[in-house]
Amino acid sequence: DLGNTFAPKNAADHKSMGDDYQELDLTYKTKVFNDSTTLFAGYIYQDVEFDDGAKDFDQNVLRFWGRYNF
């Protein structure tokens, strides 16, 4: 529960601030090729539900990166 501290960009549109926020983060990081390369993959799911009937929103984020130490 976000309580009264949550202030979205369009906070003027929200009279009630008893909103719910949920987030799920899944990450995986591994070293490959004789520990010279690191690979990372991440997935984030966020969901916000407003109690005052405003439009709820959710988002999915994927992030990948690789690093090679030479």
N, C-alpha and C. Protein backbone atom coordinates (compact mmCIF):
# COMPACT_ATOMS: atom_id res chain seq x y z
N ASP A 1 0.85 -1.18 0.00
CA ASP A 1 0.00 0.00 0.00
C ASP A 1 0.89 1.23 0.00
N LEU A 2 0.65 2.13 -0.93
CA LEU A 2 1.47 3.32 -1.04
C LEU A 2 1.08 4.41 -0.06
N GLY A 3 -0.09 4.29 0.55
CA GLY A 3 -0.51 5.27 1.54
C GLY A 3 -0.57 6.68 0.98
N ASN A 4 -0.28 7.68 1.80
CA ASN A 4 -0.36 9.09 1.39
C ASN A 4 0.95 9.61 0.82
N THR A 5 1.98 8.76 0.73
CA THR A 5 3.28 9.25 0.28
C THR A 5 3.47 9.14 -1.21
N PHE A 6 2.62 8.40 -1.91
CA PHE A 6 2.78 8.20 -3.35
C PHE A 6 2.26 9.41 -4.10
N ALA A 7 3.09 9.96 -4.98
CA ALA A 7 2.68 11.12 -5.77
C ALA A 7 3.03 10.90 -7.23
N PRO A 8 2.12 10.34 -8.03
CA PRO A 8 2.41 10.15 -9.45
C PRO A 8 2.50 11.49 -10.18
N LYS A 9 2.90 11.44 -11.44
CA LYS A 9 3.06 12.67 -12.23
C LYS A 9 1.78 13.47 -12.30
N ASN A 10 0.65 12.79 -12.34
CA ASN A 10 -0.63 13.49 -12.41
C ASN A 10 -1.33 13.41 -11.05
N ALA A 11 -0.60 13.76 -9.99
CA ALA A 11 -1.12 13.66 -8.63
C ALA A 11 -2.36 14.52 -8.42
N ALA A 12 -2.50 15.60 -9.18
CA ALA A 12 -3.67 16.47 -9.01
C ALA A 12 -4.96 15.72 -9.37
N ASP A 13 -4.86 14.70 -10.21
CA ASP A 13 -6.03 13.92 -10.61
C ASP A 13 -6.44 12.89 -9.57
N HIS A 14 -5.60 12.65 -8.58
CA HIS A 14 -5.87 11.60 -7.59
C HIS A 14 -6.27 12.22 -6.25
N LYS A 15 -7.50 12.00 -5.88
CA LYS A 15 -7.99 12.51 -4.59
C LYS A 15 -7.65 11.55 -3.46
N SER A 16 -7.75 10.25 -3.73
CA SER A 16 -7.44 9.24 -2.74
C SER A 16 -6.06 8.68 -3.01
N MET A 17 -5.23 8.60 -2.00
CA MET A 17 -3.88 8.08 -2.19
C MET A 17 -3.69 6.73 -1.51
N GLY A 18 -4.73 5.97 -1.32
CA GLY A 18 -4.59 4.63 -0.78
C GLY A 18 -4.35 3.64 -1.90
N ASP A 19 -3.31 3.84 -2.66
CA ASP A 19 -3.06 3.07 -3.87
C ASP A 19 -2.15 1.88 -3.57
N ASP A 20 -2.23 0.86 -4.42
CA ASP A 20 -1.42 -0.35 -4.27
C ASP A 20 -0.37 -0.43 -5.37
N TYR A 21 0.82 -0.83 -4.97
CA TYR A 21 1.94 -0.97 -5.90
C TYR A 21 2.53 -2.36 -5.72
N GLN A 22 2.73 -3.06 -6.83
CA GLN A 22 3.34 -4.38 -6.78
C GLN A 22 4.47 -4.42 -7.79
N GLU A 23 5.55 -5.13 -7.44
CA GLU A 23 6.68 -5.26 -8.34
C GLU A 23 7.29 -6.64 -8.20
N LEU A 24 7.66 -7.21 -9.33
CA LEU A 24 8.35 -8.50 -9.36
C LEU A 24 9.63 -8.31 -10.15
N ASP A 25 10.77 -8.63 -9.55
CA ASP A 25 12.07 -8.52 -10.23
C ASP A 25 12.69 -9.91 -10.32
N LEU A 26 13.07 -10.30 -11.52
CA LEU A 26 13.79 -11.55 -11.74
C LEU A 26 15.10 -11.20 -12.42
N THR A 27 16.22 -11.63 -11.84
CA THR A 27 17.52 -11.31 -12.43
C THR A 27 18.38 -12.57 -12.47
N TYR A 28 19.28 -12.60 -13.45
CA TYR A 28 20.23 -13.69 -13.57
C TYR A 28 21.53 -13.12 -14.09
N LYS A 29 22.64 -13.49 -13.43
CA LYS A 29 23.96 -13.01 -13.83
C LYS A 29 24.92 -14.19 -13.76
N THR A 30 25.74 -14.34 -14.80
CA THR A 30 26.66 -15.46 -14.84
C THR A 30 27.96 -15.06 -15.53
N LYS A 31 29.03 -15.79 -15.21
CA LYS A 31 30.32 -15.59 -15.87
C LYS A 31 30.54 -16.76 -16.83
N VAL A 32 31.06 -16.43 -18.01
CA VAL A 32 31.31 -17.45 -19.04
C VAL A 32 32.69 -17.23 -19.65
N PHE A 33 33.16 -18.19 -20.42
CA PHE A 33 34.43 -18.09 -21.14
C PHE A 33 35.60 -17.79 -20.20
N ASN A 34 35.88 -18.72 -19.29
CA ASN A 34 37.00 -18.56 -18.35
C ASN A 34 36.85 -17.34 -17.45
N ASP A 35 35.66 -17.01 -17.07
CA ASP A 35 35.37 -15.88 -16.19
C ASP A 35 35.76 -14.53 -16.78
N SER A 36 35.97 -14.45 -18.08
CA SER A 36 36.34 -13.17 -18.70
C SER A 36 35.13 -12.39 -19.17
N THR A 37 33.96 -13.05 -19.27
CA THR A 37 32.76 -12.39 -19.75
C THR A 37 31.64 -12.57 -18.74
N THR A 38 30.95 -11.49 -18.44
CA THR A 38 29.80 -11.53 -17.54
C THR A 38 28.55 -11.19 -18.34
N LEU A 39 27.51 -12.00 -18.18
CA LEU A 39 26.23 -11.76 -18.85
C LEU A 39 25.16 -11.53 -17.79
N PHE A 40 24.26 -10.59 -18.06
CA PHE A 40 23.18 -10.24 -17.14
C PHE A 40 21.87 -10.18 -17.91
N ALA A 41 20.81 -10.71 -17.29
CA ALA A 41 19.45 -10.59 -17.84
C ALA A 41 18.52 -10.26 -16.68
N GLY A 42 17.62 -9.32 -16.90
CA GLY A 42 16.68 -8.93 -15.86
C GLY A 42 15.30 -8.67 -16.42
N TYR A 43 14.29 -9.02 -15.64
CA TYR A 43 12.89 -8.76 -16.01
C TYR A 43 12.21 -8.10 -14.81
N ILE A 44 11.49 -7.01 -15.06
CA ILE A 44 10.78 -6.29 -14.00
C ILE A 44 9.33 -6.11 -14.43
N TYR A 45 8.41 -6.48 -13.56
CA TYR A 45 6.98 -6.24 -13.78
C TYR A 45 6.49 -5.33 -12.67
N GLN A 46 5.86 -4.21 -13.02
CA GLN A 46 5.32 -3.27 -12.05
C GLN A 46 3.84 -3.07 -12.32
N ASP A 47 3.06 -2.98 -11.25
CA ASP A 47 1.61 -2.79 -11.37
C ASP A 47 1.17 -1.79 -10.31
N VAL A 48 0.42 -0.77 -10.73
CA VAL A 48 -0.11 0.23 -9.81
C VAL A 48 -1.63 0.26 -9.97
N GLU A 49 -2.33 0.15 -8.86
CA GLU A 49 -3.79 0.21 -8.85
C GLU A 49 -4.21 1.37 -7.96
N PHE A 50 -4.96 2.30 -8.54
CA PHE A 50 -5.42 3.48 -7.81
C PHE A 50 -6.80 3.21 -7.22
N ASP A 51 -7.00 3.57 -5.96
CA ASP A 51 -8.27 3.34 -5.27
C ASP A 51 -9.38 4.29 -5.73
N ASP A 52 -9.02 5.41 -6.34
CA ASP A 52 -10.04 6.41 -6.67
C ASP A 52 -10.63 6.21 -8.07
N GLY A 53 -10.38 5.07 -8.70
CA GLY A 53 -10.96 4.80 -10.01
C GLY A 53 -10.14 5.33 -11.17
N ALA A 54 -9.02 5.94 -10.89
CA ALA A 54 -8.16 6.42 -11.98
C ALA A 54 -7.62 5.23 -12.75
N LYS A 55 -7.15 5.49 -13.95
CA LYS A 55 -6.65 4.40 -14.80
C LYS A 55 -5.43 3.73 -14.16
N ASP A 56 -5.53 2.43 -13.93
CA ASP A 56 -4.41 1.66 -13.41
C ASP A 56 -3.39 1.47 -14.52
N PHE A 57 -2.14 1.21 -14.15
CA PHE A 57 -1.14 0.95 -15.18
C PHE A 57 -0.17 -0.12 -14.71
N ASP A 58 0.40 -0.79 -15.69
CA ASP A 58 1.45 -1.75 -15.42
C ASP A 58 2.49 -1.64 -16.52
N GLN A 59 3.69 -2.11 -16.23
CA GLN A 59 4.75 -2.07 -17.22
C GLN A 59 5.66 -3.28 -17.05
N ASN A 60 6.23 -3.69 -18.17
CA ASN A 60 7.19 -4.78 -18.22
C ASN A 60 8.51 -4.21 -18.74
N VAL A 61 9.61 -4.55 -18.08
CA VAL A 61 10.92 -4.05 -18.48
C VAL A 61 11.87 -5.24 -18.62
N LEU A 62 12.58 -5.30 -19.73
CA LEU A 62 13.63 -6.28 -19.95
C LEU A 62 14.96 -5.54 -20.04
N ARG A 63 15.99 -6.11 -19.40
CA ARG A 63 17.30 -5.49 -19.47
C ARG A 63 18.34 -6.59 -19.65
N PHE A 64 19.25 -6.37 -20.61
CA PHE A 64 20.33 -7.30 -20.88
C PHE A 64 21.62 -6.51 -21.00
N TRP A 65 22.71 -7.06 -20.47
CA TRP A 65 24.01 -6.47 -20.73
C TRP A 65 25.09 -7.54 -20.64
N GLY A 66 26.20 -7.26 -21.27
CA GLY A 66 27.34 -8.14 -21.22
C GLY A 66 28.61 -7.31 -21.02
N ARG A 67 29.58 -7.92 -20.34
CA ARG A 67 30.85 -7.22 -20.09
C ARG A 67 31.99 -8.20 -20.33
N TYR A 68 32.98 -7.76 -21.07
CA TYR A 68 34.14 -8.58 -21.35
C TYR A 68 35.38 -7.93 -20.74
N ASN A 69 36.09 -8.66 -19.91
CA ASN A 69 37.33 -8.18 -19.29
C ASN A 69 38.51 -8.71 -20.08
N PHE A 70 39.32 -7.82 -20.63
CA PHE A 70 40.47 -8.26 -21.41
C PHE A 70 41.75 -7.70 -20.83
